[in-house]
Amino acid sequence: MKNDRAYIIHTRDGVKRITAEDARQNAKRQQQEGVKPSFCYRFGGGEYGRPGFLIWSTREDGAGVYIPADDDITGGYISTGWQGDFAICPPQEATA
């Protein structure tokens, strides 16, 4: 097992550990089910980051969004923040 960054998320069912690989697999499942990446980081001035897949959202731990790299679900990164840091935006309107 490679050294993968892990996020500890508190859910109503207890504590869950989410790795980057878990997030990639979750995003891949969402994509296969027809979900479009539509959560964007909201910058000031009305600018938005690239769209991604919502992986978690909790009151205690904020939100985690998997941002795929150039239409490739296997490459990408996790963007974290509070729910107010993200916006729901259609993929075609995302910029950055």
C-alpha atoms as a PDB file:
ATOM      1  CA  MET A   1       0.000   0.000   0.000  1.00  0.00           C
ATOM      2  CA  LYS A   2       1.445   3.340  -0.973  1.00  0.00           C
ATOM      3  CA  ASN A   3       1.505   6.256   1.423  1.00  0.00           C
ATOM      4  CA  ASP A   4      -1.823   7.885   0.579  1.00  0.00           C
ATOM      5  CA  ARG A   5      -3.173  10.974   2.339  1.00  0.00           C
ATOM      6  CA  ALA A   6      -6.232  10.142   4.427  1.00  0.00           C
ATOM      7  CA  TYR A   7      -9.103  12.314   5.596  1.00  0.00           C
ATOM      8  CA  ILE A   8     -10.953  11.472   8.812  1.00  0.00           C
ATOM      9  CA  ILE A   9     -14.679  12.170   8.444  1.00  0.00           C
ATOM     10  CA  HIS A  10     -17.225  12.047  11.260  1.00  0.00           C
ATOM     11  CA  THR A  11     -20.542  10.575  10.101  1.00  0.00           C
ATOM     12  CA  ARG A  12     -23.702   9.628  11.973  1.00  0.00           C
ATOM     13  CA  ASP A  13     -22.490   6.012  11.759  1.00  0.00           C
ATOM     14  CA  GLY A  14     -19.095   6.788  13.298  1.00  0.00           C
ATOM     15  CA  VAL A  15     -15.692   7.817  12.029  1.00  0.00           C
ATOM     16  CA  LYS A  16     -14.689   7.033   8.440  1.00  0.00           C
ATOM     17  CA  ARG A  17     -11.229   7.205   6.856  1.00  0.00           C
ATOM     18  CA  ILE A  18     -11.228   8.347   3.227  1.00  0.00           C
ATOM     19  CA  THR A  19      -8.079   8.097   1.117  1.00  0.00           C
ATOM     20  CA  ALA A  20      -7.407   9.698  -2.255  1.00  0.00           C
ATOM     21  CA  GLU A  21      -7.982   6.275  -3.834  1.00  0.00           C
ATOM     22  CA  ASP A  22     -11.367   5.992  -2.070  1.00  0.00           C
ATOM     23  CA  ALA A  23     -12.288   9.420  -3.459  1.00  0.00           C
ATOM     24  CA  ARG A  24     -11.187   8.417  -6.984  1.00  0.00           C
ATOM     25  CA  GLN A  25     -13.271   5.248  -6.830  1.00  0.00           C
ATOM     26  CA  ASN A  26     -16.282   7.165  -5.493  1.00  0.00           C
ATOM     27  CA  ALA A  27     -15.987   9.717  -8.314  1.00  0.00           C
ATOM     28  CA  LYS A  28     -15.629   6.911 -10.874  1.00  0.00           C
ATOM     29  CA  ARG A  29     -18.830   5.252  -9.563  1.00  0.00           C
ATOM     30  CA  GLN A  30     -20.669   8.583  -9.737  1.00  0.00           C
ATOM     31  CA  GLN A  31     -19.478   9.088 -13.323  1.00  0.00           C
ATOM     32  CA  GLN A  32     -20.586   5.570 -14.325  1.00  0.00           C
ATOM     33  CA  GLU A  33     -24.015   6.300 -12.817  1.00  0.00           C
ATOM     34  CA  GLY A  34     -24.322   9.396 -15.006  1.00  0.00           C
ATOM     35  CA  VAL A  35     -23.521  12.049 -12.407  1.00  0.00           C
ATOM     36  CA  LYS A  36     -21.800  15.082 -13.922  1.00  0.00           C
ATOM     37  CA  PRO A  37     -19.042  16.832 -11.941  1.00  0.00           C
ATOM     38  CA  SER A  38     -20.799  19.985 -10.789  1.00  0.00           C
ATOM     39  CA  PHE A  39     -19.281  21.211  -7.509  1.00  0.00           C
ATOM     40  CA  CYS A  40     -16.865  24.100  -8.075  1.00  0.00           C
ATOM     41  CA  TYR A  41     -14.626  25.988  -5.678  1.00  0.00           C
ATOM     42  CA  ARG A  42     -15.891  29.558  -5.509  1.00  0.00           C
ATOM     43  CA  PHE A  43     -13.201  32.230  -5.838  1.00  0.00           C
ATOM     44  CA  GLY A  44     -13.849  35.934  -5.273  1.00  0.00           C
ATOM     45  CA  GLY A  45     -15.116  38.070  -8.128  1.00  0.00           C
ATOM     46  CA  GLY A  46     -17.558  35.497  -9.459  1.00  0.00           C
ATOM     47  CA  GLU A  47     -14.874  33.085 -10.693  1.00  0.00           C
ATOM     48  CA  TYR A  48     -15.199  29.329 -10.229  1.00  0.00           C
ATOM     49  CA  GLY A  49     -12.718  26.462 -10.251  1.00  0.00           C
ATOM     50  CA  ARG A  50     -13.009  23.286 -12.259  1.00  0.00           C
ATOM     51  CA  PRO A  51     -16.052  21.134 -11.553  1.00  0.00           C
ATOM     52  CA  GLY A  52     -15.706  18.037  -9.403  1.00  0.00           C
ATOM     53  CA  PHE A  53     -17.629  15.275  -7.655  1.00  0.00           C
ATOM     54  CA  LEU A  54     -18.872  15.743  -4.086  1.00  0.00           C
ATOM     55  CA  ILE A  55     -17.265  13.016  -1.956  1.00  0.00           C
ATOM     56  CA  TRP A  56     -18.319  14.100   1.533  1.00  0.00           C
ATOM     57  CA  SER A  57     -20.147  16.902   3.266  1.00  0.00           C
ATOM     58  CA  THR A  58     -20.535  16.990   7.043  1.00  0.00           C
ATOM     59  CA  ARG A  59     -21.211  19.730   9.555  1.00  0.00           C
ATOM     60  CA  GLU A  60     -18.066  18.909  11.541  1.00  0.00           C
ATOM     61  CA  ASP A  61     -15.619  18.250   8.699  1.00  0.00           C
ATOM     62  CA  GLY A  62     -16.791  20.457   5.848  1.00  0.00           C
ATOM     63  CA  ALA A  63     -16.782  19.207   2.269  1.00  0.00           C
ATOM     64  CA  GLY A  64     -14.449  17.229   0.048  1.00  0.00           C
ATOM     65  CA  VAL A  65     -14.693  17.441  -3.737  1.00  0.00           C
ATOM     66  CA  TYR A  66     -12.708  15.244  -6.135  1.00  0.00           C
ATOM     67  CA  ILE A  67     -11.532  17.322  -9.110  1.00  0.00           C
ATOM     68  CA  PRO A  68     -10.649  15.063 -12.074  1.00  0.00           C
ATOM     69  CA  ALA A  69      -7.715  16.014 -14.286  1.00  0.00           C
ATOM     70  CA  ASP A  70      -8.730  16.897 -17.860  1.00  0.00           C
ATOM     71  CA  ASP A  71     -11.554  14.365 -18.277  1.00  0.00           C
ATOM     72  CA  ASP A  72      -9.404  11.629 -16.754  1.00  0.00           C
ATOM     73  CA  ILE A  73     -10.987  10.266 -13.583  1.00  0.00           C
ATOM     74  CA  THR A  74      -7.792   8.438 -12.559  1.00  0.00           C
ATOM     75  CA  GLY A  75      -5.816  11.662 -12.247  1.00  0.00           C
ATOM     76  CA  GLY A  76      -6.963  14.502 -10.082  1.00  0.00           C
ATOM     77  CA  TYR A  77      -6.987  15.876  -6.565  1.00  0.00           C
ATOM     78  CA  ILE A  78      -9.238  16.440  -3.566  1.00  0.00           C
ATOM     79  CA  SER A  79     -10.259  19.992  -2.752  1.00  0.00           C
ATOM     80  CA  THR A  80     -11.452  20.535   0.812  1.00  0.00           C
ATOM     81  CA  GLY A  81     -13.183  23.400   2.554  1.00  0.00           C
ATOM     82  CA  TRP A  82     -16.421  24.452   4.173  1.00  0.00           C
ATOM     83  CA  GLN A  83     -19.669  24.046   2.285  1.00  0.00           C
ATOM     84  CA  GLY A  84     -19.796  27.797   1.587  1.00  0.00           C
ATOM     85  CA  ASP A  85     -16.450  27.567  -0.249  1.00  0.00           C
ATOM     86  CA  PHE A  86     -18.113  25.545  -3.010  1.00  0.00           C
ATOM     87  CA  ALA A  87     -20.950  26.264  -5.408  1.00  0.00           C
ATOM     88  CA  ILE A  88     -23.048  24.071  -7.626  1.00  0.00           C
ATOM     89  CA  CYS A  89     -22.286  25.076 -11.182  1.00  0.00           C
ATOM     90  CA  PRO A  90     -22.897  23.437 -14.541  1.00  0.00           C
ATOM     91  CA  PRO A  91     -19.641  22.011 -15.984  1.00  0.00           C
ATOM     92  CA  GLN A  92     -19.832  24.181 -19.104  1.00  0.00           C
ATOM     93  CA  GLU A  93     -19.849  27.365 -16.963  1.00  0.00           C
ATOM     94  CA  ALA A  94     -16.799  26.468 -14.879  1.00  0.00           C
ATOM     95  CA  THR A  95     -13.644  28.502 -15.436  1.00  0.00           C
ATOM     96  CA  ALA A  96     -10.130  28.602 -14.044  1.00  0.00           C
END
